[in-house]
Amino acid sequence: MSTQKKLMSNWRWWICSLLFVATTVNYLDRQVLSLTYEEFIKPEFHWTDANYGTITSFFSIFYAICCLFAGKFVDWMGTKKGYLVAIGVWSAGAVLHAACGWATAHIVGLDSVAAMRAVEAGSNIALAVSTTSVYLFLLCRGILALGEAGNFPAAIKVTAEYFPKKDRAFATSIFNAGASVGALAAPLLIPPLAVKFGWEMAFIIIGGLGFIWMFFWAFMYEKPEKSKRVNEAELEYIHQDDAEAAVAAKAAAEAPEEKSIPFIQCFKYRQTWSFIAGKFFTDGVWWFFLFWAPSYFSNQFHAPATSPLGQWLIFTLYLIVTVISIGGGYLPKIFVDKKGMNPYAGRMLAMLIFAFFPIAALFAQPLGVSFNSPWWPAILIGLAGAGHQAWSANLFSTVGDMFPKSTIATITGIGAMAGGIGSMIIQKVAGNLFTYAEAQGAAFQFLGFEGKPAGYFIMFCFCGLAYLIAWAIMKSLVPKYKQVEI
């Protein structure tokens, strides 16, 4: 065995590193808009927050819809071609954002982008600019969402091809860390690029990273059986589960076939509606923080994403999310292993604890204003985001607790759609609320705040309480562990 280990190649970890880079680029591309919106895009295209809310809400729902079909597409195309198509599409969508200014100017009949910027605010031509540009950005966000939906199905398929079962969770955690790294790197990379080269080049440079990745993927990836860089010892290690799988397949063939639940019938179970409620009320909270935090710090504390303070605020927020959320998967394990609880009960107790974390968002606005410091909101929103990530990890696991394996993917897809619908509603409501509150000024008040700050506080109140509402609904629908029986 020691000789085998010495002779074994380690190409699977190089492949895993490519998955990590792809996931990092995935999160970088989706954050360029939020980090350039307030200082560059909003004034150039004469947008309101309602316009921005429309675009972010569309991305949320369209991404959720695409996720339903992305896995089947990757299976159909094959891992290598499927991943190339996915990242090629989303990189093209990311780069195309840069052309929206040029295209808007020509569609509305202006000579140049500079002439478009000089249009008088509130005029008919300004309205034409904003309307035209919103539709162009919707098109680009749709292309971005279409491609990005393929990242995780493709990456998970690759780990199944290159790693034995015992290593897959670790490999998945490595490439999934790219999401956190992308969120951390974005505020340090994107605003400086926009300041130095223009917001268009920020989209082009960050979007272009995907095309560079495609070059390495095309030359480095082959199935392990066909790869020249995977030697016999590593191939044997990768396929160590095959003998066990053969035994399991024989047993499965002899056992009665596990029935799947037809799609429509899934909705007659309380367990389905429990998962729907958990996703519908909470997914949009995460997307709200992701899309609106840079704008909030800029408007409320005059800390734009282009300033060092704004960049470090966003970085700190996601650093807190990354560090604290790591423990999300360990708490239910403690309840099950040490307290003797069944997995569902242990998971629900852990989710109740995590549901209290977002309450920190209720204090973000009052403490930030009272102390005139954006660091309070950054830290408190970070705690809320960490609670979401821990909550979300356990929420997905409840599907496996309650449904047969044959139906898990279907229920997960239904939940993803519910989360997308909830997110779409939150983004649209937030955009319209902020625009209305800003226009009303002192006439719009909520718990001691007025104008746009009152709008922010309303949204933070919902975000802070959403998880407890979701948990209460889930618990009322499924009070105790009950697996679905077909």
Protein backbone atom coordinates (compact mmCIF):
# COMPACT_ATOMS: atom_id res chain seq x y z
CA MET A 1 0.00 0.00 0.00
CA SER A 2 2.85 2.42 0.83
CA THR A 3 4.44 1.70 -2.54
CA GLN A 4 1.14 2.32 -4.24
CA LYS A 5 0.76 5.68 -2.50
CA LYS A 6 4.26 6.73 -3.58
CA LEU A 7 3.53 5.80 -7.17
CA MET A 8 0.05 7.28 -7.24
CA SER A 9 -0.46 10.40 -9.34
CA ASN A 10 -2.58 13.21 -7.91
CA TRP A 11 -4.21 14.62 -11.01
CA ARG A 12 -7.63 14.58 -9.33
CA TRP A 13 -6.56 17.50 -7.10
CA TRP A 14 -5.50 19.55 -10.10
CA ILE A 15 -8.96 18.98 -11.54
CA CYS A 16 -10.46 19.99 -8.20
CA SER A 17 -8.44 23.21 -8.31
CA LEU A 18 -10.01 24.02 -11.69
CA LEU A 19 -13.46 23.58 -10.14
CA PHE A 20 -12.45 25.96 -7.34
CA VAL A 21 -11.33 28.62 -9.85
CA ALA A 22 -14.53 28.24 -11.90
CA THR A 23 -16.70 28.71 -8.82
CA THR A 24 -14.67 31.76 -7.80
CA VAL A 25 -15.14 33.31 -11.24
CA ASN A 26 -18.85 32.42 -11.05
CA TYR A 27 -19.33 34.60 -7.97
CA LEU A 28 -17.08 37.38 -9.27
CA ASP A 29 -19.12 37.71 -12.46
CA ARG A 30 -22.45 38.01 -10.69
CA GLN A 31 -21.15 40.74 -8.34
CA VAL A 32 -19.76 43.17 -10.91
CA LEU A 33 -23.17 44.81 -11.35
CA SER A 34 -23.84 45.36 -7.64
CA LEU A 35 -20.37 46.86 -7.09
CA THR A 36 -20.61 49.26 -10.05
CA TYR A 37 -24.30 50.13 -9.81
CA GLU A 38 -24.34 53.07 -7.40
CA GLU A 39 -21.28 55.01 -8.61
CA PHE A 40 -21.26 54.24 -12.34
CA ILE A 41 -24.30 52.56 -13.87
CA LYS A 42 -27.09 54.32 -11.95
CA PRO A 43 -26.07 57.88 -12.95
CA GLU A 44 -25.02 56.93 -16.48
CA PHE A 45 -28.31 55.28 -17.41
CA HIS A 46 -30.54 57.47 -15.21
CA TRP A 47 -31.77 54.44 -13.28
CA THR A 48 -33.83 54.38 -10.12
CA ASP A 49 -33.59 51.69 -7.46
CA ALA A 50 -36.81 50.30 -8.95
CA ASN A 51 -34.96 49.68 -12.22
CA TYR A 52 -32.15 47.92 -10.38
CA GLY A 53 -34.70 45.89 -8.39
CA THR A 54 -36.30 44.73 -11.64
CA ILE A 55 -32.96 43.50 -12.96
CA THR A 56 -31.91 41.70 -9.77
CA SER A 57 -35.35 40.11 -9.37
CA PHE A 58 -35.25 38.83 -12.95
CA PHE A 59 -31.79 37.33 -12.42
CA SER A 60 -33.03 35.53 -9.28
CA ILE A 61 -36.04 33.86 -10.89
CA PHE A 62 -34.36 33.09 -14.22
CA TYR A 63 -31.36 31.54 -12.49
CA ALA A 64 -33.72 29.33 -10.45
CA ILE A 65 -35.55 28.21 -13.60
CA CYS A 66 -32.29 27.41 -15.38
CA CYS A 67 -31.09 25.36 -12.40
CA LEU A 68 -33.99 22.95 -13.01
CA PHE A 69 -32.57 21.98 -16.41
CA ALA A 70 -28.83 22.58 -16.03
CA GLY A 71 -28.07 19.15 -14.57
CA LYS A 72 -29.82 17.32 -17.39
CA PHE A 73 -27.98 19.48 -19.94
CA VAL A 74 -24.58 18.59 -18.45
CA ASP A 75 -25.51 14.89 -18.41
CA TRP A 76 -26.57 15.12 -22.05
CA MET A 77 -23.54 17.06 -23.29
CA GLY A 78 -21.01 15.24 -21.16
CA THR A 79 -18.84 16.76 -18.44
CA LYS A 80 -16.13 18.29 -20.61
CA LYS A 81 -18.34 19.88 -23.27
CA GLY A 82 -21.13 20.72 -20.82
CA TYR A 83 -18.81 22.67 -18.53
CA LEU A 84 -17.20 24.45 -21.48
CA VAL A 85 -20.60 25.52 -22.79
CA ALA A 86 -21.78 26.67 -19.35
CA ILE A 87 -18.78 28.87 -18.55
CA GLY A 88 -18.56 30.06 -22.16
CA VAL A 89 -22.19 31.24 -22.06
CA TRP A 90 -21.91 32.99 -18.70
CA SER A 91 -18.58 34.61 -19.60
CA ALA A 92 -20.09 35.91 -22.84
CA GLY A 93 -23.06 37.24 -20.87
CA ALA A 94 -20.73 38.95 -18.40
CA VAL A 95 -18.66 40.62 -21.13
CA LEU A 96 -21.76 41.71 -23.06
CA HIS A 97 -22.75 43.99 -20.17
CA ALA A 98 -19.96 46.30 -21.32
CA ALA A 99 -21.75 46.94 -24.62
CA CYS A 100 -24.99 48.12 -23.01
CA GLY A 101 -23.89 51.76 -22.94
CA TRP A 102 -22.90 51.83 -26.61
CA ALA A 103 -26.03 49.93 -27.65
CA THR A 104 -28.34 52.18 -25.60
CA ALA A 105 -26.88 55.36 -27.10
CA HIS A 106 -27.36 54.11 -30.65
CA ILE A 107 -30.86 52.75 -30.07
CA VAL A 108 -32.16 56.04 -28.62
CA GLY A 109 -30.43 58.03 -31.39
CA LEU A 110 -27.56 59.67 -29.50
CA ASP A 111 -24.13 60.14 -31.05
CA SER A 112 -22.12 58.67 -28.20
CA VAL A 113 -22.12 57.35 -24.65
CA ALA A 114 -20.82 60.74 -23.52
CA ALA A 115 -23.92 62.40 -25.01
CA MET A 116 -26.10 59.89 -23.19
CA ARG A 117 -24.46 60.76 -19.87
CA ALA A 118 -25.12 64.44 -20.49
CA VAL A 119 -28.87 63.98 -20.95
CA GLU A 120 -30.95 66.06 -18.57
CA ALA A 121 -32.32 64.02 -15.69
CA GLY A 122 -36.10 63.61 -15.77
CA SER A 123 -36.43 64.41 -19.47
CA ASN A 124 -38.13 62.18 -22.01
CA ILE A 125 -34.80 61.20 -23.50
CA ALA A 126 -33.54 60.23 -20.02
CA LEU A 127 -36.59 57.99 -19.65
CA ALA A 128 -35.84 56.42 -23.03
CA VAL A 129 -32.23 55.81 -21.98
CA SER A 130 -33.21 54.17 -18.70
CA THR A 131 -35.92 51.99 -20.28
CA THR A 132 -33.74 50.85 -23.18
CA SER A 133 -30.75 50.12 -20.96
CA VAL A 134 -32.84 48.11 -18.49
CA TYR A 135 -33.97 45.78 -21.28
CA LEU A 136 -30.40 45.38 -22.51
CA PHE A 137 -29.14 44.58 -19.02
CA LEU A 138 -32.01 42.11 -18.57
CA LEU A 139 -30.83 40.31 -21.71
CA CYS A 140 -27.23 40.18 -20.45
CA ARG A 141 -28.29 39.04 -16.96
CA GLY A 142 -30.39 36.31 -18.56
CA ILE A 143 -27.40 35.00 -20.51
CA LEU A 144 -25.28 35.18 -17.35
CA ALA A 145 -27.89 33.26 -15.33
CA LEU A 146 -28.30 30.63 -18.06
CA GLY A 147 -24.58 29.80 -18.02
CA GLU A 148 -23.99 30.14 -14.29
CA ALA A 149 -26.73 27.62 -13.55
CA GLY A 150 -24.50 24.91 -15.03
CA ASN A 151 -21.54 25.45 -12.70
CA PHE A 152 -22.58 23.45 -9.66
CA PRO A 153 -24.19 20.50 -11.50
CA ALA A 154 -21.05 20.18 -13.64
CA ALA A 155 -18.66 20.52 -10.69
CA ILE A 156 -20.55 17.93 -8.63
CA LYS A 157 -20.49 15.54 -11.60
CA VAL A 158 -16.73 15.97 -11.93
CA THR A 159 -16.15 15.14 -8.25
CA ALA A 160 -18.18 11.96 -8.72
CA GLU A 161 -15.96 11.03 -11.68
CA TYR A 162 -12.61 11.83 -10.07
CA PHE A 163 -13.05 11.01 -6.37
CA PRO A 164 -14.14 7.95 -4.38
CA LYS A 165 -17.15 8.42 -2.11
CA LYS A 166 -15.09 8.97 1.00
CA ASP A 167 -13.29 11.98 -0.57
CA ARG A 168 -16.19 13.63 -2.39
CA ALA A 169 -17.44 15.72 0.53
CA PHE A 170 -13.92 17.12 1.05
CA ALA A 171 -13.45 17.80 -2.67
CA THR A 172 -16.86 19.50 -2.81
CA SER A 173 -16.00 21.69 0.18
CA ILE A 174 -12.80 22.77 -1.61
CA PHE A 175 -14.44 23.86 -4.85
CA ASN A 176 -17.46 25.30 -3.01
CA ALA A 177 -15.06 27.53 -1.07
CA GLY A 178 -14.67 29.38 -4.36
CA ALA A 179 -18.04 31.02 -3.66
CA SER A 180 -16.67 32.57 -0.47
CA VAL A 181 -13.37 33.51 -2.09
CA GLY A 182 -15.22 35.15 -4.98
CA ALA A 183 -17.40 37.12 -2.58
CA LEU A 184 -14.32 38.21 -0.62
CA ALA A 185 -12.23 39.12 -3.67
CA ALA A 186 -14.97 41.02 -5.51
CA PRO A 187 -14.93 44.27 -3.46
CA LEU A 188 -11.12 44.38 -3.59
CA LEU A 189 -10.89 43.79 -7.36
CA ILE A 190 -13.95 45.17 -9.14
CA PRO A 191 -14.24 48.78 -7.87
CA PRO A 192 -10.53 49.56 -8.49
CA LEU A 193 -10.87 48.19 -12.02
CA ALA A 194 -13.95 50.35 -12.62
CA VAL A 195 -12.20 53.47 -11.31
CA LYS A 196 -9.04 52.96 -13.35
CA PHE A 197 -10.43 51.60 -16.61
CA GLY A 198 -14.18 52.29 -16.52
CA TRP A 199 -17.09 50.08 -15.49
CA GLU A 200 -17.20 48.51 -18.94
CA MET A 201 -13.66 47.16 -18.58
CA ALA A 202 -14.54 45.76 -15.16
CA PHE A 203 -17.14 43.54 -16.84
CA ILE A 204 -14.75 42.64 -19.67
CA ILE A 205 -11.76 41.81 -17.48
CA ILE A 206 -13.70 39.79 -14.89
CA GLY A 207 -15.81 38.13 -17.59
CA GLY A 208 -12.69 37.33 -19.59
CA LEU A 209 -11.35 35.18 -16.76
CA GLY A 210 -13.87 32.52 -17.75
CA PHE A 211 -12.46 32.28 -21.27
CA ILE A 212 -8.97 31.81 -19.84
CA TRP A 213 -10.34 29.03 -17.63
CA MET A 214 -11.84 27.34 -20.70
CA PHE A 215 -8.38 27.03 -22.23
CA PHE A 216 -7.03 25.16 -19.21
CA TRP A 217 -10.16 22.99 -18.93
CA ALA A 218 -9.99 21.96 -22.59
CA PHE A 219 -6.40 20.75 -22.24
CA MET A 220 -6.43 19.41 -18.68
CA TYR A 221 -9.74 17.56 -18.36
CA GLU A 222 -10.44 14.07 -19.61
CA LYS A 223 -12.32 11.32 -17.85
CA PRO A 224 -9.87 9.58 -15.52
CA GLU A 225 -9.97 6.40 -17.65
CA LYS A 226 -8.79 8.39 -20.68
CA SER A 227 -6.45 10.87 -19.00
CA LYS A 228 -2.73 10.40 -19.65
CA ARG A 229 -1.99 12.12 -16.34
CA VAL A 230 -3.87 9.59 -14.22
CA ASN A 231 -1.75 6.52 -13.63
CA GLU A 232 -2.99 3.04 -12.81
CA ALA A 233 -2.60 3.49 -9.05
CA GLU A 234 -4.67 6.68 -9.00
CA LEU A 235 -7.29 5.14 -11.28
CA GLU A 236 -7.59 2.20 -8.92
CA TYR A 237 -7.98 4.59 -5.99
CA ILE A 238 -10.67 6.58 -7.80
CA HIS A 239 -12.66 3.43 -8.62
CA GLN A 240 -12.27 1.74 -5.24
CA ASP A 241 -16.05 1.89 -4.76
CA ASP A 242 -16.77 -0.14 -7.89
CA ALA A 243 -16.72 -3.54 -6.17
CA GLU A 244 -18.99 -2.22 -3.44
CA ALA A 245 -21.21 -0.64 -6.08
CA ALA A 246 -21.49 -3.97 -7.90
CA VAL A 247 -22.68 -5.67 -4.72
CA ALA A 248 -25.10 -2.83 -4.07
CA ALA A 249 -26.38 -3.02 -7.65
CA LYS A 250 -27.00 -6.74 -7.30
CA ALA A 251 -28.88 -6.17 -4.05
CA ALA A 252 -30.88 -3.37 -5.63
CA ALA A 253 -31.78 -5.60 -8.57
CA GLU A 254 -33.09 -8.25 -6.19
CA ALA A 255 -34.96 -5.75 -4.03
CA PRO A 256 -38.32 -4.26 -4.98
CA GLU A 257 -37.92 -1.23 -7.27
CA GLU A 258 -38.13 2.07 -5.39
CA LYS A 259 -41.03 4.08 -6.71
CA SER A 260 -40.73 7.75 -7.48
CA ILE A 261 -43.41 10.32 -6.74
CA PRO A 262 -44.99 11.97 -9.80
CA PHE A 263 -44.32 15.70 -9.93
CA ILE A 264 -47.88 16.87 -9.28
CA GLN A 265 -48.35 14.43 -6.40
CA CYS A 266 -45.33 15.90 -4.62
CA PHE A 267 -47.49 18.87 -3.67
CA LYS A 268 -49.93 16.81 -1.63
CA TYR A 269 -47.32 16.15 1.06
CA ARG A 270 -46.80 18.47 4.02
CA GLN A 271 -43.08 17.72 3.82
CA THR A 272 -42.92 19.31 0.34
CA TRP A 273 -44.64 22.47 1.55
CA SER A 274 -42.34 22.57 4.56
CA PHE A 275 -39.30 22.70 2.26
CA ILE A 276 -41.03 25.22 -0.02
CA ALA A 277 -41.68 27.52 2.95
CA GLY A 278 -38.08 27.25 4.14
CA LYS A 279 -36.75 28.26 0.71
CA PHE A 280 -39.42 30.85 -0.20
CA PHE A 281 -38.97 33.00 2.90
CA THR A 282 -35.16 32.85 3.21
CA ASP A 283 -33.40 32.55 -0.18
CA GLY A 284 -34.28 36.12 -1.08
CA VAL A 285 -32.68 37.42 2.12
CA TRP A 286 -29.26 36.19 1.00
CA TRP A 287 -29.71 37.66 -2.48
CA PHE A 288 -30.91 40.94 -0.97
CA PHE A 289 -27.71 41.32 1.03
CA LEU A 290 -25.60 40.26 -1.96
CA PHE A 291 -27.21 42.73 -4.39
CA TRP A 292 -27.98 45.69 -2.14
CA ALA A 293 -25.23 45.88 0.53
CA PRO A 294 -22.83 47.98 -1.62
CA SER A 295 -25.62 50.44 -2.45
CA TYR A 296 -26.65 50.60 1.22
CA PHE A 297 -23.16 51.50 2.45
CA SER A 298 -22.85 54.11 -0.29
CA ASN A 299 -26.21 55.79 0.37
CA GLN A 300 -26.40 55.54 4.13
CA PHE A 301 -22.78 56.08 5.13
CA HIS A 302 -21.19 57.69 2.04
CA ALA A 303 -18.88 54.70 1.70
CA PRO A 304 -19.06 53.82 -2.03
CA ALA A 305 -17.62 50.54 -3.26
CA THR A 306 -14.89 52.53 -5.01
CA SER A 307 -13.55 53.83 -1.69
CA PRO A 308 -11.18 51.82 0.52
CA LEU A 309 -13.75 51.97 3.33
CA GLY A 310 -16.52 50.61 1.11
CA GLN A 311 -14.30 47.79 -0.15
CA TRP A 312 -13.26 46.71 3.33
CA LEU A 313 -16.82 46.87 4.62
CA ILE A 314 -17.99 44.36 1.99
CA PHE A 315 -14.87 42.24 2.51
CA THR A 316 -15.44 42.14 6.29
CA LEU A 317 -19.10 41.25 5.82
CA TYR A 318 -18.30 38.19 3.71
CA LEU A 319 -15.33 37.22 5.85
CA ILE A 320 -17.70 36.90 8.81
CA VAL A 321 -20.10 34.87 6.68
CA THR A 322 -17.32 32.54 5.56
CA VAL A 323 -15.76 31.91 8.97
CA ILE A 324 -18.90 31.48 11.08
CA SER A 325 -20.97 29.48 8.58
CA ILE A 326 -18.34 26.71 8.54
CA GLY A 327 -19.84 25.34 11.74
CA GLY A 328 -23.28 25.03 10.18
CA GLY A 329 -22.93 21.35 9.43
CA TYR A 330 -21.43 20.37 12.78
CA LEU A 331 -24.17 21.48 15.17
CA PRO A 332 -26.81 18.91 14.11
CA LYS A 333 -24.15 16.22 14.22
CA ILE A 334 -23.55 17.07 17.89
CA PHE A 335 -27.27 16.85 18.64
CA VAL A 336 -27.54 13.47 16.89
CA ASP A 337 -24.32 11.85 18.11
CA LYS A 338 -24.17 13.19 21.66
CA LYS A 339 -27.80 13.92 22.49
CA GLY A 340 -29.26 10.88 20.76
CA MET A 341 -31.76 12.89 18.70
CA ASN A 342 -33.03 11.60 15.36
CA PRO A 343 -31.44 13.44 12.38
CA TYR A 344 -34.54 15.47 11.53
CA ALA A 345 -35.10 16.66 15.11
CA GLY A 346 -31.41 17.52 15.48
CA ARG A 347 -31.44 19.42 12.21
CA MET A 348 -34.58 21.38 13.10
CA LEU A 349 -33.11 22.34 16.49
CA ALA A 350 -29.93 23.53 14.78
CA MET A 351 -32.00 25.49 12.26
CA LEU A 352 -33.92 27.16 15.08
CA ILE A 353 -30.62 28.31 16.58
CA PHE A 354 -29.39 29.57 13.20
CA ALA A 355 -32.75 31.32 12.65
CA PHE A 356 -31.87 33.68 15.50
CA PHE A 357 -28.64 34.84 13.82
CA PRO A 358 -30.40 37.03 11.20
CA ILE A 359 -32.14 38.96 14.00
CA ALA A 360 -28.82 40.83 14.15
CA ALA A 361 -29.95 42.62 10.97
CA LEU A 362 -32.69 44.35 13.00
CA PHE A 363 -30.00 46.31 14.84
CA ALA A 364 -27.86 47.15 11.80
CA GLN A 365 -29.64 50.38 10.92
CA PRO A 366 -30.26 51.71 14.48
CA LEU A 367 -26.70 51.05 15.69
CA GLY A 368 -25.12 52.24 12.45
CA VAL A 369 -26.98 55.55 12.65
CA SER A 370 -26.63 55.96 16.43
CA PHE A 371 -22.85 55.52 16.31
CA ASN A 372 -22.53 57.01 12.81
CA SER A 373 -20.42 54.02 11.83
CA PRO A 374 -20.93 51.59 8.94
CA TRP A 375 -18.94 48.92 10.77
CA TRP A 376 -21.94 48.00 12.92
CA PRO A 377 -24.10 47.15 9.89
CA ALA A 378 -21.20 45.33 8.21
CA ILE A 379 -20.66 43.09 11.23
CA LEU A 380 -24.36 42.53 11.95
CA ILE A 381 -25.27 41.82 8.33
CA GLY A 382 -22.29 39.45 8.25
CA LEU A 383 -23.76 37.55 11.22
CA ALA A 384 -27.13 37.43 9.47
CA GLY A 385 -25.49 36.10 6.30
CA ALA A 386 -23.60 33.46 8.27
CA GLY A 387 -26.89 32.36 9.81
CA HIS A 388 -28.37 32.03 6.33
CA GLN A 389 -25.55 29.85 5.02
CA ALA A 390 -25.75 27.54 8.05
CA TRP A 391 -29.55 27.45 7.79
CA SER A 392 -29.43 26.71 4.06
CA ALA A 393 -27.00 23.79 4.43
CA ASN A 394 -29.32 22.10 6.93
CA LEU A 395 -32.47 22.97 5.02
CA PHE A 396 -31.26 21.02 1.99
CA SER A 397 -30.53 18.03 4.23
CA THR A 398 -34.14 17.88 5.45
CA VAL A 399 -35.13 16.70 1.96
CA GLY A 400 -33.01 13.57 2.35
CA ASP A 401 -34.43 13.06 5.83
CA MET A 402 -38.04 12.98 4.65
CA PHE A 403 -38.13 11.79 1.01
CA PRO A 404 -37.00 8.61 -0.79
CA LYS A 405 -33.85 8.94 -2.89
CA SER A 406 -35.87 8.62 -6.10
CA THR A 407 -37.63 11.93 -5.38
CA ILE A 408 -34.89 14.05 -3.74
CA ALA A 409 -33.86 15.82 -6.97
CA THR A 410 -37.49 16.66 -7.80
CA ILE A 411 -38.18 18.15 -4.36
CA THR A 412 -34.89 20.07 -4.45
CA GLY A 413 -35.86 21.55 -7.82
CA ILE A 414 -39.28 22.55 -6.49
CA GLY A 415 -37.59 24.24 -3.52
CA ALA A 416 -35.14 26.06 -5.80
CA MET A 417 -38.06 27.46 -7.76
CA ALA A 418 -39.79 28.56 -4.54
CA GLY A 419 -36.58 30.27 -3.43
CA GLY A 420 -36.28 31.99 -6.80
CA ILE A 421 -39.84 33.28 -6.62
CA GLY A 422 -39.31 34.54 -3.08
CA SER A 423 -36.08 36.24 -4.11
CA MET A 424 -37.71 37.83 -7.13
CA ILE A 425 -40.42 39.32 -4.92
CA ILE A 426 -37.93 40.65 -2.34
CA GLN A 427 -35.69 42.29 -4.96
CA LYS A 428 -38.63 43.91 -6.74
CA VAL A 429 -40.23 45.13 -3.51
CA ALA A 430 -36.90 46.51 -2.27
CA GLY A 431 -36.24 48.46 -5.46
CA ASN A 432 -39.71 49.98 -5.57
CA LEU A 433 -39.69 50.70 -1.83
CA PHE A 434 -36.34 52.52 -1.95
CA THR A 435 -37.41 54.61 -4.95
CA TYR A 436 -40.72 55.54 -3.31
CA ALA A 437 -39.19 56.27 0.11
CA GLU A 438 -36.50 58.49 -1.43
CA ALA A 439 -39.09 60.46 -3.39
CA GLN A 440 -41.32 60.94 -0.33
CA GLY A 441 -38.48 62.09 1.91
CA ALA A 442 -39.58 63.12 5.41
CA ALA A 443 -43.18 62.19 4.57
CA PHE A 444 -42.21 58.51 4.63
CA GLN A 445 -41.44 57.34 8.17
CA PHE A 446 -40.93 54.03 9.95
CA LEU A 447 -39.93 53.56 13.60
CA GLY A 448 -37.99 56.80 13.86
CA PHE A 449 -36.43 56.73 10.38
CA GLU A 450 -37.57 58.72 7.39
CA GLY A 451 -37.04 58.63 3.66
CA LYS A 452 -34.75 56.01 2.18
CA PRO A 453 -33.22 55.02 5.57
CA ALA A 454 -36.77 54.07 6.63
CA GLY A 455 -36.99 51.85 3.55
CA TYR A 456 -33.74 50.11 4.47
CA PHE A 457 -34.98 49.52 8.01
CA ILE A 458 -38.21 47.94 6.73
CA MET A 459 -36.24 45.49 4.60
CA PHE A 460 -33.83 44.69 7.45
CA CYS A 461 -36.81 43.96 9.72
CA PHE A 462 -38.18 41.44 7.25
CA CYS A 463 -34.75 39.87 6.70
CA GLY A 464 -34.21 39.56 10.44
CA LEU A 465 -37.51 37.79 11.10
CA ALA A 466 -37.86 35.72 7.90
CA TYR A 467 -36.05 32.66 9.27
CA LEU A 468 -38.13 32.40 12.45
CA ILE A 469 -41.28 32.73 10.34
CA ALA A 470 -40.04 30.01 7.98
CA TRP A 471 -39.05 27.72 10.88
CA ALA A 472 -42.44 28.14 12.57
CA ILE A 473 -44.26 27.23 9.34
CA MET A 474 -41.99 24.23 8.75
CA LYS A 475 -42.48 23.00 12.30
CA SER A 476 -46.26 23.38 12.10
CA LEU A 477 -46.35 21.43 8.84
CA VAL A 478 -44.02 18.66 10.04
CA PRO A 479 -43.99 18.70 13.88
CA LYS A 480 -41.86 15.58 14.16
CA TYR A 481 -39.90 13.26 11.91
CA LYS A 482 -42.12 11.57 9.37
CA GLN A 483 -40.71 10.08 6.19
CA VAL A 484 -42.83 10.14 3.09
CA GLU A 485 -44.13 6.70 2.20
CA ILE A 486 -45.18 5.89 -1.32
